[in-house]
Amino acid sequence: MLAEGDLQALLLTVKLASTSTALLMFVGTPIAWWLSYSTSRMRSIVSAIVALPLVLPPTVLGFYLLLAMSPDGPVGVLTQAVGADSLAFTFWGLVLGSVVYSLPFVVQPIHNALTGMGKWPVETAATLGANAWQRFYKVVLPMCKPGFVTAAALGFAHTVGEFGVVLMIGGNIPGETKVASVQIYEHVETLQYTQAHSLSLVMLIFALVVLTLVYSLNGSSARLVRINTTS
């Protein structure tokens, strides 16, 4: 049975993951497009920067994000310039950290889908008079749908499972920054193993459902490609 604090943490986690995933898809799609078709010498550097959260310890990433949000940091200077408060230890600070931390999990599936599609469908649509939006909406999105769905699912799931980054830049403020992973840590720290087990079980089931969905989509996509190839 989940306590009131656990339910509050779960709701905040879903809110954070939903907001972050929407921003990740908005930011990650053009980055994946550029990485798929650009011939710039900066492509390798940009790819490395996007993939950096995969190998960088979350606490290190959270530390530098916290410095960036400080009054003297670039993010802090920007927020002060527009008359806003610091993003550190706020929900929107968690959103910023989540977008940075989960970016490779969104960019990579979309990049793979775009690379697998190739240039010819878009170029063909362009020769038929389709504008950029029509080419994306009527050609790219249908052909790369599994990649976009996988990116959204992985981005959401990865945000749900964050701990080091959110703890560094958000702390454990109830209703504001205390997400499910932080709540579990607090239960264990205070020897409340029954509550930790209940909340962890919910997270485990969620992760299993998401991964099953992702692998099912990838399997369906692969079968479709084989059918189209042999037909």
Protein backbone atom coordinates (compact mmCIF):
# COMPACT_ATOMS: atom_id res chain seq x y z
CA MET A 1 0.00 0.00 0.00
CA LEU A 2 1.47 3.33 -1.06
CA ALA A 3 1.56 6.17 1.43
CA GLU A 4 0.39 9.68 0.58
CA GLY A 5 3.98 10.85 0.17
CA ASP A 6 4.66 7.98 -2.26
CA LEU A 7 1.63 8.88 -4.39
CA GLN A 8 2.70 12.52 -4.41
CA ALA A 9 6.19 11.52 -5.53
CA LEU A 10 4.77 9.28 -8.28
CA LEU A 11 2.50 12.05 -9.59
CA LEU A 12 5.40 14.48 -9.61
CA THR A 13 7.53 11.90 -11.43
CA VAL A 14 4.87 11.43 -14.13
CA LYS A 15 4.53 15.22 -14.48
CA LEU A 16 8.29 15.61 -14.79
CA ALA A 17 8.63 12.76 -17.29
CA SER A 18 5.72 13.99 -19.44
CA THR A 19 7.00 17.57 -19.57
CA SER A 20 10.57 16.50 -20.23
CA THR A 21 9.56 14.02 -22.95
CA ALA A 22 7.57 16.67 -24.82
CA LEU A 23 10.57 19.01 -24.75
CA LEU A 24 12.95 16.18 -25.64
CA MET A 25 10.96 15.29 -28.76
CA PHE A 26 10.82 18.97 -29.77
CA VAL A 27 14.58 19.45 -29.27
CA GLY A 28 15.80 15.98 -30.18
CA THR A 29 14.08 15.66 -33.57
CA PRO A 30 15.96 18.50 -35.34
CA ILE A 31 19.22 17.38 -33.73
CA ALA A 32 18.68 13.82 -34.99
CA TRP A 33 17.77 15.16 -38.44
CA TRP A 34 20.95 17.25 -38.60
CA LEU A 35 23.12 14.35 -37.43
CA SER A 36 21.52 12.05 -40.03
CA TYR A 37 22.03 14.25 -43.08
CA SER A 38 24.70 16.82 -42.27
CA THR A 39 28.19 16.58 -43.76
CA SER A 40 29.63 19.21 -41.40
CA ARG A 41 32.94 18.56 -39.67
CA MET A 42 31.19 19.45 -36.42
CA ARG A 43 29.00 16.36 -36.71
CA SER A 44 31.33 14.13 -34.66
CA ILE A 45 31.69 16.75 -31.94
CA VAL A 46 27.93 17.29 -31.71
CA SER A 47 27.37 13.52 -31.60
CA ALA A 48 29.86 13.23 -28.74
CA ILE A 49 28.22 16.06 -26.79
CA VAL A 50 24.76 14.52 -27.22
CA ALA A 51 26.03 11.10 -26.10
CA LEU A 52 27.99 12.48 -23.14
CA PRO A 53 25.29 11.67 -20.52
CA LEU A 54 25.62 7.98 -21.46
CA VAL A 55 29.13 7.79 -19.98
CA LEU A 56 29.25 10.72 -17.56
CA PRO A 57 28.30 9.93 -13.94
CA PRO A 58 24.91 11.51 -13.15
CA THR A 59 26.33 13.28 -10.10
CA VAL A 60 28.98 14.96 -12.26
CA LEU A 61 26.37 16.09 -14.76
CA GLY A 62 24.12 17.28 -11.94
CA PHE A 63 26.99 19.17 -10.32
CA TYR A 64 27.80 21.12 -13.48
CA LEU A 65 24.13 21.81 -14.14
CA LEU A 66 23.84 23.14 -10.59
CA LEU A 67 26.81 25.43 -11.25
CA ALA A 68 25.18 26.57 -14.50
CA MET A 69 22.02 27.49 -12.60
CA SER A 70 23.92 29.46 -9.96
CA PRO A 71 23.73 33.30 -10.08
CA ASP A 72 27.10 33.44 -11.85
CA GLY A 73 26.37 30.54 -14.22
CA PRO A 74 25.09 30.98 -17.79
CA VAL A 75 21.60 29.70 -16.97
CA GLY A 76 21.48 31.75 -13.78
CA VAL A 77 22.53 34.92 -15.58
CA LEU A 78 19.84 34.33 -18.20
CA THR A 79 17.08 33.76 -15.64
CA GLN A 80 18.12 36.89 -13.75
CA ALA A 81 18.10 38.89 -16.98
CA VAL A 82 14.45 38.02 -17.59
CA GLY A 83 13.51 38.65 -13.97
CA ALA A 84 13.02 34.98 -13.04
CA ASP A 85 14.20 33.11 -9.96
CA SER A 86 16.99 30.55 -10.02
CA LEU A 87 16.07 27.17 -11.49
CA ALA A 88 18.06 25.30 -8.84
CA PHE A 89 15.87 23.27 -6.48
CA THR A 90 12.75 23.89 -8.57
CA PHE A 91 10.58 21.73 -10.80
CA TRP A 92 11.74 23.52 -13.94
CA GLY A 93 15.32 22.99 -12.91
CA LEU A 94 14.55 19.27 -12.84
CA VAL A 95 13.02 19.58 -16.31
CA LEU A 96 16.20 21.20 -17.66
CA GLY A 97 18.37 18.54 -16.07
CA SER A 98 16.12 15.76 -17.36
CA VAL A 99 16.25 17.08 -20.92
CA VAL A 100 20.04 17.17 -20.86
CA TYR A 101 20.35 13.78 -19.15
CA SER A 102 17.86 11.92 -21.38
CA LEU A 103 18.72 13.60 -24.69
CA PRO A 104 20.76 10.68 -26.14
CA PHE A 105 17.91 8.25 -25.42
CA VAL A 106 15.66 10.32 -27.68
CA VAL A 107 18.11 11.42 -30.37
CA GLN A 108 19.57 7.96 -31.05
CA PRO A 109 16.33 6.08 -31.97
CA ILE A 110 15.17 8.95 -34.21
CA HIS A 111 18.62 9.17 -35.79
CA ASN A 112 18.61 5.42 -36.51
CA ALA A 113 15.12 5.63 -38.03
CA LEU A 114 16.06 8.57 -40.26
CA THR A 115 19.28 6.90 -41.37
CA GLY A 116 17.39 3.70 -42.20
CA MET A 117 14.84 5.64 -44.22
CA GLY A 118 17.47 7.36 -46.34
CA LYS A 119 17.14 10.59 -48.30
CA TRP A 120 15.21 9.43 -51.34
CA PRO A 121 11.64 9.52 -49.86
CA VAL A 122 12.10 13.14 -48.75
CA GLU A 123 13.78 14.14 -52.00
CA THR A 124 11.01 12.49 -54.01
CA ALA A 125 8.35 14.33 -52.04
CA ALA A 126 10.21 17.60 -52.61
CA THR A 127 10.25 17.07 -56.38
CA LEU A 128 6.47 16.56 -56.21
CA GLY A 129 6.04 19.98 -54.63
CA ALA A 130 5.69 19.07 -50.95
CA ASN A 131 6.90 21.74 -48.56
CA ALA A 132 9.10 21.01 -45.51
CA TRP A 133 6.16 20.47 -43.14
CA GLN A 134 4.36 18.19 -45.61
CA ARG A 135 7.52 16.15 -46.15
CA PHE A 136 7.93 15.66 -42.42
CA TYR A 137 4.27 15.02 -41.59
CA LYS A 138 3.33 12.84 -44.58
CA VAL A 139 6.63 11.09 -45.34
CA VAL A 140 9.10 11.13 -42.47
CA LEU A 141 6.68 10.65 -39.57
CA PRO A 142 4.83 7.62 -41.02
CA MET A 143 8.00 5.90 -42.22
CA CYS A 144 9.91 6.54 -38.98
CA LYS A 145 6.99 6.13 -36.58
CA PRO A 146 8.56 3.22 -34.62
CA GLY A 147 11.69 5.30 -34.07
CA PHE A 148 9.70 8.25 -32.74
CA VAL A 149 7.59 6.04 -30.48
CA THR A 150 10.70 4.29 -29.17
CA ALA A 151 12.39 7.65 -28.54
CA ALA A 152 9.38 8.95 -26.61
CA ALA A 153 9.09 5.75 -24.56
CA LEU A 154 12.79 5.62 -23.70
CA GLY A 155 12.91 9.34 -22.91
CA PHE A 156 9.94 9.02 -20.58
CA ALA A 157 11.24 5.87 -18.89
CA HIS A 158 14.75 7.24 -18.46
CA THR A 159 13.40 10.41 -16.87
CA VAL A 160 11.27 8.35 -14.48
CA GLY A 161 14.37 6.44 -13.37
CA GLU A 162 16.61 9.47 -12.76
CA PHE A 163 18.22 9.81 -9.37
CA GLY A 164 21.68 11.38 -9.27
CA VAL A 165 20.88 14.35 -11.47
CA VAL A 166 17.56 15.21 -9.83
CA LEU A 167 19.03 14.86 -6.34
CA MET A 168 21.93 17.16 -7.16
CA ILE A 169 19.89 19.96 -8.73
CA GLY A 170 16.55 19.48 -6.99
CA GLY A 171 17.13 18.03 -3.55
CA ASN A 172 14.09 16.42 -1.92
CA ILE A 173 11.47 19.15 -1.54
CA PRO A 174 8.04 17.42 -1.18
CA GLY A 175 5.65 18.30 -4.01
CA GLU A 176 8.34 20.26 -5.83
CA THR A 177 11.42 18.12 -6.46
CA LYS A 178 10.98 14.88 -4.49
CA VAL A 179 10.40 12.35 -7.27
CA ALA A 180 9.90 8.61 -6.87
CA SER A 181 13.59 7.66 -7.02
CA VAL A 182 14.44 10.16 -4.29
CA GLN A 183 11.47 8.95 -2.23
CA ILE A 184 12.76 5.35 -2.44
CA TYR A 185 16.22 6.47 -1.35
CA GLU A 186 14.74 8.29 1.63
CA HIS A 187 12.73 5.20 2.62
CA VAL A 188 15.86 3.05 2.57
CA GLU A 189 17.87 5.66 4.42
CA THR A 190 15.28 5.69 7.23
CA LEU A 191 15.00 1.86 7.21
CA GLN A 192 11.41 1.92 5.91
CA TYR A 193 11.96 -1.13 3.73
CA THR A 194 8.29 -2.03 3.30
CA GLN A 195 7.49 1.37 1.80
CA ALA A 196 10.65 1.23 -0.32
CA HIS A 197 9.65 -2.21 -1.60
CA SER A 198 6.11 -1.10 -2.54
CA LEU A 199 7.28 1.95 -4.46
CA SER A 200 10.17 0.06 -6.07
CA LEU A 201 7.76 -2.65 -7.25
CA VAL A 202 5.63 -0.04 -8.98
CA MET A 203 8.73 1.33 -10.73
CA LEU A 204 9.85 -2.19 -11.69
CA ILE A 205 6.51 -3.04 -13.29
CA PHE A 206 6.49 0.26 -15.15
CA ALA A 207 10.01 -0.33 -16.51
CA LEU A 208 9.07 -3.84 -17.65
CA VAL A 209 5.98 -2.56 -19.49
CA VAL A 210 7.94 0.18 -21.24
CA LEU A 211 10.75 -2.15 -22.35
CA THR A 212 8.23 -4.74 -23.60
CA LEU A 213 6.54 -2.01 -25.65
CA VAL A 214 9.86 -0.85 -27.11
CA TYR A 215 11.00 -4.35 -28.10
CA SER A 216 7.58 -5.15 -29.58
CA LEU A 217 7.70 -2.01 -31.73
CA ASN A 218 11.23 -2.79 -32.87
CA GLY A 219 10.24 -6.35 -33.74
CA SER A 220 7.19 -5.19 -35.71
CA SER A 221 9.32 -2.66 -37.57
CA ALA A 222 11.91 -5.29 -38.49
CA ARG A 223 9.22 -7.65 -39.81
CA LEU A 224 7.74 -4.84 -41.90
CA VAL A 225 11.10 -4.08 -43.43
CA ARG A 226 11.63 -7.76 -44.36
CA ILE A 227 8.18 -7.94 -45.94
CA ASN A 228 8.79 -4.81 -48.00
CA THR A 229 12.20 -6.09 -49.04
CA THR A 230 10.94 -9.46 -50.26
CA SER A 231 7.77 -8.21 -51.92
